[in-house]
């Protein structure tokens, strides 16, 4: 198996770390992470390890962008049909 790079831009790996809280996010960036990810409130498989709510998610996103870093918001659980409207808000 071979890997052919067809783009003129070289592939640069991204160090992606979990951020279960703002404190952990800040540690990840301080130690070299290029990006972090956090689960959405109520839609994360690790609810007990997720200190983020909608307000702290926004703070984390703003801080990441101020550092020129990425912040991925992930959903590990798909909402049931009755919850789709509240999920999309």
PDB file of N, CA and C in Angstrom:
ATOM      1  N   UNK A   1       0.844  -1.166   0.000  1.00  0.00           N
ATOM      2  CA  UNK A   1       0.000   0.000   0.000  1.00  0.00           C
ATOM      3  C   UNK A   1       0.891   1.231   0.000  1.00  0.00           C
ATOM      4  N   UNK A   2       0.570   2.176  -0.843  1.00  0.00           N
ATOM      5  CA  UNK A   2       1.347   3.408  -0.867  1.00  0.00           C
ATOM      6  C   UNK A   2       0.421   4.597  -0.673  1.00  0.00           C
ATOM      7  N   UNK A   3       0.989   5.650  -0.155  1.00  0.00           N
ATOM      8  CA  UNK A   3       0.244   6.870   0.098  1.00  0.00           C
ATOM      9  C   UNK A   3       0.777   7.936  -0.837  1.00  0.00           C
ATOM     10  N   UNK A   4      -0.053   8.391  -1.738  1.00  0.00           N
ATOM     11  CA  UNK A   4       0.363   9.411  -2.683  1.00  0.00           C
ATOM     12  C   UNK A   4      -0.196  10.758  -2.248  1.00  0.00           C
ATOM     13  N   UNK A   5       0.676  11.730  -2.128  1.00  0.00           N
ATOM     14  CA  UNK A   5       0.250  13.084  -1.796  1.00  0.00           C
ATOM     15  C   UNK A   5       0.120  13.836  -3.105  1.00  0.00           C
ATOM     16  N   UNK A   6      -1.092  14.258  -3.413  1.00  0.00           N
ATOM     17  CA  UNK A   6      -1.322  14.922  -4.690  1.00  0.00           C
ATOM     18  C   UNK A   6      -1.376  16.435  -4.561  1.00  0.00           C
ATOM     19  N   UNK A   7      -1.465  16.931  -3.365  1.00  0.00           N
ATOM     20  CA  UNK A   7      -1.548  18.366  -3.150  1.00  0.00           C
ATOM     21  C   UNK A   7      -0.148  18.961  -3.119  1.00  0.00           C
ATOM     22  N   UNK A   8      -0.042  20.224  -3.519  1.00  0.00           N
ATOM     23  CA  UNK A   8       1.247  20.895  -3.444  1.00  0.00           C
ATOM     24  C   UNK A   8       1.544  21.357  -2.019  1.00  0.00           C
ATOM     25  N   UNK A   9       0.536  21.317  -1.158  1.00  0.00           N
ATOM     26  CA  UNK A   9       0.722  21.681   0.238  1.00  0.00           C
ATOM     27  C   UNK A   9       1.076  20.423   1.025  1.00  0.00           C
ATOM     28  N   UNK A  10       2.158  20.459   1.792  1.00  0.00           N
ATOM     29  CA  UNK A  10       2.520  19.256   2.553  1.00  0.00           C
ATOM     30  C   UNK A  10       1.506  18.968   3.654  1.00  0.00           C
ATOM     31  N   UNK A  11       1.341  17.687   3.949  1.00  0.00           N
ATOM     32  CA  UNK A  11       0.438  17.269   5.015  1.00  0.00           C
ATOM     33  C   UNK A  11       1.107  17.527   6.355  1.00  0.00           C
ATOM     34  N   UNK A  12       0.426  18.268   7.202  1.00  0.00           N
ATOM     35  CA  UNK A  12       0.944  18.550   8.535  1.00  0.00           C
ATOM     36  C   UNK A  12      -0.012  17.921   9.540  1.00  0.00           C
ATOM     37  N   UNK A  13       0.442  16.964  10.324  1.00  0.00           N
ATOM     38  CA  UNK A  13      -0.441  16.335  11.303  1.00  0.00           C
ATOM     39  C   UNK A  13      -0.913  17.345  12.345  1.00  0.00           C
ATOM     40  N   UNK A  14      -2.075  17.077  12.882  1.00  0.00           N
ATOM     41  CA  UNK A  14      -2.660  17.948  13.900  1.00  0.00           C
ATOM     42  C   UNK A  14      -2.720  17.174  15.212  1.00  0.00           C
ATOM     43  N   UNK A  15      -2.206  17.765  16.283  1.00  0.00           N
ATOM     44  CA  UNK A  15      -2.302  17.149  17.602  1.00  0.00           C
ATOM     45  C   UNK A  15      -3.645  17.541  18.198  1.00  0.00           C
ATOM     46  N   UNK A  16      -4.550  16.565  18.288  1.00  0.00           N
ATOM     47  CA  UNK A  16      -5.917  16.768  18.767  1.00  0.00           C
ATOM     48  C   UNK A  16      -6.064  16.105  20.127  1.00  0.00           C
ATOM     49  N   UNK A  17      -6.490  16.868  21.118  1.00  0.00           N
ATOM     50  CA  UNK A  17      -6.617  16.366  22.494  1.00  0.00           C
ATOM     51  C   UNK A  17      -8.036  16.556  23.006  1.00  0.00           C
ATOM     52  N   UNK A  18      -8.476  15.689  23.911  1.00  0.00           N
ATOM     53  CA  UNK A  18      -9.798  15.877  24.515  1.00  0.00           C
ATOM     54  C   UNK A  18      -9.766  17.030  25.514  1.00  0.00           C
ATOM     55  N   UNK A  19     -10.882  17.724  25.610  1.00  0.00           N
ATOM     56  CA  UNK A  19     -11.002  18.819  26.583  1.00  0.00           C
ATOM     57  C   UNK A  19     -12.313  18.630  27.318  1.00  0.00           C
ATOM     58  N   UNK A  20     -12.252  18.038  28.472  1.00  0.00           N
ATOM     59  CA  UNK A  20     -13.467  17.825  29.249  1.00  0.00           C
ATOM     60  C   UNK A  20     -13.853  19.027  30.082  1.00  0.00           C
ATOM     61  N   UNK A  21     -12.967  20.026  30.114  1.00  0.00           N
ATOM     62  CA  UNK A  21     -13.221  21.246  30.875  1.00  0.00           C
ATOM     63  C   UNK A  21     -12.349  22.360  30.301  1.00  0.00           C
ATOM     64  N   UNK A  22     -12.641  23.587  30.699  1.00  0.00           N
ATOM     65  CA  UNK A  22     -11.804  24.704  30.261  1.00  0.00           C
ATOM     66  C   UNK A  22     -10.379  24.542  30.777  1.00  0.00           C
ATOM     67  N   UNK A  23     -10.242  24.056  31.999  1.00  0.00           N
ATOM     68  CA  UNK A  23      -8.914  23.838  32.582  1.00  0.00           C
ATOM     69  C   UNK A  23      -8.115  22.842  31.744  1.00  0.00           C
ATOM     70  N   UNK A  24      -8.734  21.729  31.379  1.00  0.00           N
ATOM     71  CA  UNK A  24      -8.048  20.728  30.552  1.00  0.00           C
ATOM     72  C   UNK A  24      -7.732  21.265  29.168  1.00  0.00           C
ATOM     73  N   UNK A  25      -8.632  22.064  28.607  1.00  0.00           N
ATOM     74  CA  UNK A  25      -8.385  22.676  27.303  1.00  0.00           C
ATOM     75  C   UNK A  25      -7.151  23.568  27.367  1.00  0.00           C
ATOM     76  N   UNK A  26      -7.061  24.364  28.413  1.00  0.00           N
ATOM     77  CA  UNK A  26      -5.923  25.281  28.562  1.00  0.00           C
ATOM     78  C   UNK A  26      -4.618  24.506  28.735  1.00  0.00           C
ATOM     79  N   UNK A  27      -4.655  23.410  29.493  1.00  0.00           N
ATOM     80  CA  UNK A  27      -3.467  22.557  29.621  1.00  0.00           C
ATOM     81  C   UNK A  27      -3.069  21.981  28.261  1.00  0.00           C
ATOM     82  N   UNK A  28      -4.033  21.503  27.516  1.00  0.00           N
ATOM     83  CA  UNK A  28      -3.738  20.907  26.205  1.00  0.00           C
ATOM     84  C   UNK A  28      -3.047  21.916  25.296  1.00  0.00           C
ATOM     85  N   UNK A  29      -3.560  23.128  25.253  1.00  0.00           N
ATOM     86  CA  UNK A  29      -2.936  24.152  24.411  1.00  0.00           C
ATOM     87  C   UNK A  29      -1.556  24.546  24.941  1.00  0.00           C
ATOM     88  N   UNK A  30      -1.422  24.635  26.259  1.00  0.00           N
ATOM     89  CA  UNK A  30      -0.129  24.998  26.846  1.00  0.00           C
ATOM     90  C   UNK A  30       0.947  23.959  26.535  1.00  0.00           C
ATOM     91  N   UNK A  31       0.533  22.694  26.369  1.00  0.00           N
ATOM     92  CA  UNK A  31       1.490  21.631  26.093  1.00  0.00           C
ATOM     93  C   UNK A  31       1.551  21.246  24.620  1.00  0.00           C
ATOM     94  N   UNK A  32       1.052  22.116  23.748  1.00  0.00           N
ATOM     95  CA  UNK A  32       1.294  21.939  22.323  1.00  0.00           C
ATOM     96  C   UNK A  32       0.170  21.427  21.459  1.00  0.00           C
ATOM     97  N   UNK A  33      -1.014  21.262  21.997  1.00  0.00           N
ATOM     98  CA  UNK A  33      -2.125  20.787  21.157  1.00  0.00           C
ATOM     99  C   UNK A  33      -2.456  21.827  20.091  1.00  0.00           C
ATOM    100  N   UNK A  34      -2.746  21.348  18.898  1.00  0.00           N
ATOM    101  CA  UNK A  34      -3.203  22.221  17.814  1.00  0.00           C
ATOM    102  C   UNK A  34      -4.702  22.428  17.881  1.00  0.00           C
ATOM    103  N   UNK A  35      -5.394  21.459  18.476  1.00  0.00           N
ATOM    104  CA  UNK A  35      -6.853  21.496  18.527  1.00  0.00           C
ATOM    105  C   UNK A  35      -7.328  20.647  19.701  1.00  0.00           C
ATOM    106  N   UNK A  36      -8.545  20.933  20.133  1.00  0.00           N
ATOM    107  CA  UNK A  36      -9.185  20.129  21.173  1.00  0.00           C
ATOM    108  C   UNK A  36     -10.596  19.788  20.712  1.00  0.00           C
ATOM    109  N   UNK A  37     -11.183  18.791  21.374  1.00  0.00           N
ATOM    110  CA  UNK A  37     -12.585  18.479  21.104  1.00  0.00           C
ATOM    111  C   UNK A  37     -13.317  18.327  22.419  1.00  0.00           C
ATOM    112  N   UNK A  38     -14.592  18.669  22.378  1.00  0.00           N
ATOM    113  CA  UNK A  38     -15.437  18.541  23.567  1.00  0.00           C
ATOM    114  C   UNK A  38     -16.817  18.095  23.132  1.00  0.00           C
ATOM    115  N   UNK A  39     -17.429  17.284  23.965  1.00  0.00           N
ATOM    116  CA  UNK A  39     -18.780  16.813  23.687  1.00  0.00           C
ATOM    117  C   UNK A  39     -19.817  17.859  24.028  1.00  0.00           C
ATOM    118  N   UNK A  40     -20.889  17.836  23.291  1.00  0.00           N
ATOM    119  CA  UNK A  40     -22.000  18.730  23.578  1.00  0.00           C
ATOM    120  C   UNK A  40     -22.699  18.278  24.848  1.00  0.00           C
ATOM    121  N   UNK A  41     -23.178  19.232  25.633  1.00  0.00           N
ATOM    122  CA  UNK A  41     -23.953  18.842  26.812  1.00  0.00           C
ATOM    123  C   UNK A  41     -25.132  17.957  26.394  1.00  0.00           C
ATOM    124  N   UNK A  42     -25.369  16.899  27.123  1.00  0.00           N
ATOM    125  CA  UNK A  42     -26.470  15.953  26.900  1.00  0.00           C
ATOM    126  C   UNK A  42     -26.269  15.054  25.686  1.00  0.00           C
ATOM    127  N   UNK A  43     -25.274  15.291  24.852  1.00  0.00           N
ATOM    128  CA  UNK A  43     -25.067  14.470  23.654  1.00  0.00           C
ATOM    129  C   UNK A  43     -23.645  13.903  23.616  1.00  0.00           C
ATOM    130  N   UNK A  44     -23.095  13.648  24.777  1.00  0.00           N
ATOM    131  CA  UNK A  44     -21.752  13.106  24.894  1.00  0.00           C
ATOM    132  C   UNK A  44     -21.812  11.766  25.617  1.00  0.00           C
ATOM    133  N   UNK A  45     -21.016  10.814  25.178  1.00  0.00           N
ATOM    134  CA  UNK A  45     -20.960   9.518  25.853  1.00  0.00           C
ATOM    135  C   UNK A  45     -20.251   9.620  27.199  1.00  0.00           C
ATOM    136  N   UNK A  46     -19.477  10.659  27.375  1.00  0.00           N
ATOM    137  CA  UNK A  46     -18.714  10.843  28.611  1.00  0.00           C
ATOM    138  C   UNK A  46     -19.274  12.014  29.414  1.00  0.00           C
ATOM    139  N   UNK A  47     -20.557  11.976  29.665  1.00  0.00           N
ATOM    140  CA  UNK A  47     -21.230  13.075  30.354  1.00  0.00           C
ATOM    141  C   UNK A  47     -20.583  13.348  31.708  1.00  0.00           C
ATOM    142  N   UNK A  48     -20.176  12.319  32.414  1.00  0.00           N
ATOM    143  CA  UNK A  48     -19.565  12.511  33.735  1.00  0.00           C
ATOM    144  C   UNK A  48     -18.214  13.205  33.657  1.00  0.00           C
ATOM    145  N   UNK A  49     -17.534  13.124  32.519  1.00  0.00           N
ATOM    146  CA  UNK A  49     -16.225  13.756  32.350  1.00  0.00           C
ATOM    147  C   UNK A  49     -16.305  15.038  31.536  1.00  0.00           C
ATOM    148  N   UNK A  50     -17.496  15.524  31.299  1.00  0.00           N
ATOM    149  CA  UNK A  50     -17.689  16.709  30.467  1.00  0.00           C
ATOM    150  C   UNK A  50     -18.254  17.836  31.323  1.00  0.00           C
ATOM    151  N   UNK A  51     -17.435  18.833  31.595  1.00  0.00           N
ATOM    152  CA  UNK A  51     -17.871  19.971  32.396  1.00  0.00           C
ATOM    153  C   UNK A  51     -18.412  21.112  31.536  1.00  0.00           C
ATOM    154  N   UNK A  52     -18.508  20.902  30.233  1.00  0.00           N
ATOM    155  CA  UNK A  52     -18.951  21.973  29.348  1.00  0.00           C
ATOM    156  C   UNK A  52     -20.468  22.092  29.319  1.00  0.00           C
ATOM    157  N   UNK A  53     -20.931  23.333  29.354  1.00  0.00           N
ATOM    158  CA  UNK A  53     -22.309  23.655  29.024  1.00  0.00           C
ATOM    159  C   UNK A  53     -22.222  24.626  27.845  1.00  0.00           C
ATOM    160  N   UNK A  54     -23.330  25.154  27.390  1.00  0.00           N
ATOM    161  CA  UNK A  54     -23.293  26.016  26.203  1.00  0.00           C
ATOM    162  C   UNK A  54     -22.442  27.265  26.420  1.00  0.00           C
ATOM    163  N   UNK A  55     -22.485  27.833  27.617  1.00  0.00           N
ATOM    164  CA  UNK A  55     -21.697  29.038  27.893  1.00  0.00           C
ATOM    165  C   UNK A  55     -20.199  28.746  27.912  1.00  0.00           C
ATOM    166  N   UNK A  56     -19.793  27.672  28.588  1.00  0.00           N
ATOM    167  CA  UNK A  56     -18.366  27.368  28.637  1.00  0.00           C
ATOM    168  C   UNK A  56     -17.845  26.848  27.298  1.00  0.00           C
ATOM    169  N   UNK A  57     -18.706  26.228  26.506  1.00  0.00           N
ATOM    170  CA  UNK A  57     -18.291  25.870  25.141  1.00  0.00           C
ATOM    171  C   UNK A  57     -17.925  27.123  24.361  1.00  0.00           C
ATOM    172  N   UNK A  58     -18.747  28.148  24.475  1.00  0.00           N
ATOM    173  CA  UNK A  58     -18.474  29.395  23.748  1.00  0.00           C
ATOM    174  C   UNK A  58     -17.184  30.042  24.245  1.00  0.00           C
ATOM    175  N   UNK A  59     -16.962  30.023  25.549  1.00  0.00           N
ATOM    176  CA  UNK A  59     -15.714  30.561  26.099  1.00  0.00           C
ATOM    177  C   UNK A  59     -14.523  29.780  25.544  1.00  0.00           C
ATOM    178  N   UNK A  60     -14.627  28.460  25.535  1.00  0.00           N
ATOM    179  CA  UNK A  60     -13.551  27.627  25.007  1.00  0.00           C
ATOM    180  C   UNK A  60     -13.278  27.888  23.538  1.00  0.00           C
ATOM    181  N   UNK A  61     -14.326  28.009  22.762  1.00  0.00           N
ATOM    182  CA  UNK A  61     -14.176  28.296  21.330  1.00  0.00           C
ATOM    183  C   UNK A  61     -13.488  29.640  21.136  1.00  0.00           C
ATOM    184  N   UNK A  62     -13.927  30.647  21.883  1.00  0.00           N
ATOM    185  CA  UNK A  62     -13.325  31.981  21.762  1.00  0.00           C
ATOM    186  C   UNK A  62     -11.847  31.966  22.151  1.00  0.00           C
ATOM    187  N   UNK A  63     -11.520  31.275  23.242  1.00  0.00           N
ATOM    188  CA  UNK A  63     -10.121  31.199  23.672  1.00  0.00           C
ATOM    189  C   UNK A  63      -9.268  30.449  22.653  1.00  0.00           C
ATOM    190  N   UNK A  64      -9.794  29.367  22.116  1.00  0.00           N
ATOM    191  CA  UNK A  64      -9.051  28.604  21.107  1.00  0.00           C
ATOM    192  C   UNK A  64      -8.776  29.465  19.879  1.00  0.00           C
ATOM    193  N   UNK A  65      -9.775  30.158  19.409  1.00  0.00           N
ATOM    194  CA  UNK A  65      -9.594  30.994  18.226  1.00  0.00           C
ATOM    195  C   UNK A  65      -8.634  32.149  18.496  1.00  0.00           C
ATOM    196  N   UNK A  66      -8.655  32.697  19.709  1.00  0.00           N
ATOM    197  CA  UNK A  66      -7.715  33.767  20.064  1.00  0.00           C
ATOM    198  C   UNK A  66      -6.270  33.270  20.017  1.00  0.00           C
ATOM    199  N   UNK A  67      -6.074  31.976  20.271  1.00  0.00           N
ATOM    200  CA  UNK A  67      -4.746  31.362  20.207  1.00  0.00           C
ATOM    201  C   UNK A  67      -4.433  30.807  18.818  1.00  0.00           C
ATOM    202  N   UNK A  68      -5.340  31.030  17.876  1.00  0.00           N
ATOM    203  CA  UNK A  68      -5.221  30.487  16.519  1.00  0.00           C
ATOM    204  C   UNK A  68      -5.216  28.955  16.541  1.00  0.00           C
ATOM    205  N   UNK A  69      -6.047  28.394  17.421  1.00  0.00           N
ATOM    206  CA  UNK A  69      -6.202  26.946  17.559  1.00  0.00           C
ATOM    207  C   UNK A  69      -7.619  26.557  17.154  1.00  0.00           C
ATOM    208  N   UNK A  70      -7.858  25.271  17.039  1.00  0.00           N
ATOM    209  CA  UNK A  70      -9.181  24.770  16.656  1.00  0.00           C
ATOM    210  C   UNK A  70      -9.880  24.153  17.859  1.00  0.00           C
ATOM    211  N   UNK A  71     -11.205  24.253  17.848  1.00  0.00           N
ATOM    212  CA  UNK A  71     -12.037  23.666  18.898  1.00  0.00           C
ATOM    213  C   UNK A  71     -13.161  22.925  18.192  1.00  0.00           C
ATOM    214  N   UNK A  72     -13.153  21.613  18.277  1.00  0.00           N
ATOM    215  CA  UNK A  72     -14.185  20.798  17.651  1.00  0.00           C
ATOM    216  C   UNK A  72     -15.257  20.458  18.679  1.00  0.00           C
ATOM    217  N   UNK A  73     -16.509  20.685  18.319  1.00  0.00           N
ATOM    218  CA  UNK A  73     -17.640  20.303  19.166  1.00  0.00           C
ATOM    219  C   UNK A  73     -18.211  19.025  18.568  1.00  0.00           C
ATOM    220  N   UNK A  74     -18.263  17.975  19.370  1.00  0.00           N
ATOM    221  CA  UNK A  74     -18.661  16.667  18.857  1.00  0.00           C
ATOM    222  C   UNK A  74     -19.938  16.171  19.513  1.00  0.00           C
ATOM    223  N   UNK A  75     -20.648  15.345  18.767  1.00  0.00           N
ATOM    224  CA  UNK A  75     -21.825  14.651  19.290  1.00  0.00           C
ATOM    225  C   UNK A  75     -21.567  13.162  19.181  1.00  0.00           C
ATOM    226  N   UNK A  76     -21.639  12.468  20.293  1.00  0.00           N
ATOM    227  CA  UNK A  76     -21.456  11.024  20.295  1.00  0.00           C
ATOM    228  C   UNK A  76     -22.785  10.288  20.318  1.00  0.00           C
ATOM    229  N   UNK A  77     -23.843  11.014  20.605  1.00  0.00           N
ATOM    230  CA  UNK A  77     -25.167  10.417  20.713  1.00  0.00           C
ATOM    231  C   UNK A  77     -26.109  11.194  19.801  1.00  0.00           C
ATOM    232  N   UNK A  78     -26.795  10.510  18.920  1.00  0.00           N
ATOM    233  CA  UNK A  78     -27.767  11.164  18.044  1.00  0.00           C
ATOM    234  C   UNK A  78     -29.077  11.359  18.805  1.00  0.00           C
ATOM    235  N   UNK A  79     -29.696  12.520  18.650  1.00  0.00           N
ATOM    236  CA  UNK A  79     -30.959  12.760  19.356  1.00  0.00           C
ATOM    237  C   UNK A  79     -32.104  11.958  18.745  1.00  0.00           C
ATOM    238  N   UNK A  80     -33.068  11.593  19.579  1.00  0.00           N
ATOM    239  CA  UNK A  80     -34.285  10.956  19.094  1.00  0.00           C
ATOM    240  C   UNK A  80     -35.119  11.988  18.341  1.00  0.00           C
ATOM    241  N   UNK A  81     -36.038  11.521  17.525  1.00  0.00           N
ATOM    242  CA  UNK A  81     -36.859  12.417  16.708  1.00  0.00           C
ATOM    243  C   UNK A  81     -37.509  13.528  17.521  1.00  0.00           C
ATOM    244  N   UNK A  82     -37.987  13.216  18.712  1.00  0.00           N
ATOM    245  CA  UNK A  82     -38.673  14.210  19.539  1.00  0.00           C
ATOM    246  C   UNK A  82     -37.722  15.292  20.042  1.00  0.00           C
ATOM    247  N   UNK A  83     -36.414  15.041  20.024  1.00  0.00           N
ATOM    248  CA  UNK A  83     -35.432  15.986  20.559  1.00  0.00           C
ATOM    249  C   UNK A  83     -34.655  16.738  19.480  1.00  0.00           C
ATOM    250  N   UNK A  84     -34.934  16.501  18.212  1.00  0.00           N
ATOM    251  CA  UNK A  84     -34.157  17.115  17.135  1.00  0.00           C
ATOM    252  C   UNK A  84     -34.254  18.637  17.171  1.00  0.00           C
ATOM    253  N   UNK A  85     -35.441  19.187  17.400  1.00  0.00           N
ATOM    254  CA  UNK A  85     -35.586  20.649  17.421  1.00  0.00           C
ATOM    255  C   UNK A  85     -34.739  21.280  18.518  1.00  0.00           C
ATOM    256  N   UNK A  86     -34.761  20.711  19.716  1.00  0.00           N
ATOM    257  CA  UNK A  86     -33.952  21.279  20.801  1.00  0.00           C
ATOM    258  C   UNK A  86     -32.463  21.059  20.540  1.00  0.00           C
ATOM    259  N   UNK A  87     -32.103  19.972  19.884  1.00  0.00           N
ATOM    260  CA  UNK A  87     -30.708  19.702  19.544  1.00  0.00           C
ATOM    261  C   UNK A  87     -30.169  20.747  18.568  1.00  0.00           C
ATOM    262  N   UNK A  88     -30.960  21.123  17.590  1.00  0.00           N
ATOM    263  CA  UNK A  88     -30.517  22.070  16.567  1.00  0.00           C
ATOM    264  C   UNK A  88     -30.375  23.493  17.098  1.00  0.00           C
ATOM    265  N   UNK A  89     -31.006  23.783  18.226  1.00  0.00           N
ATOM    266  CA  UNK A  89     -30.838  25.119  18.816  1.00  0.00           C
ATOM    267  C   UNK A  89     -29.484  25.193  19.389  1.00  0.00           C
TER     268      UNK A  89
END
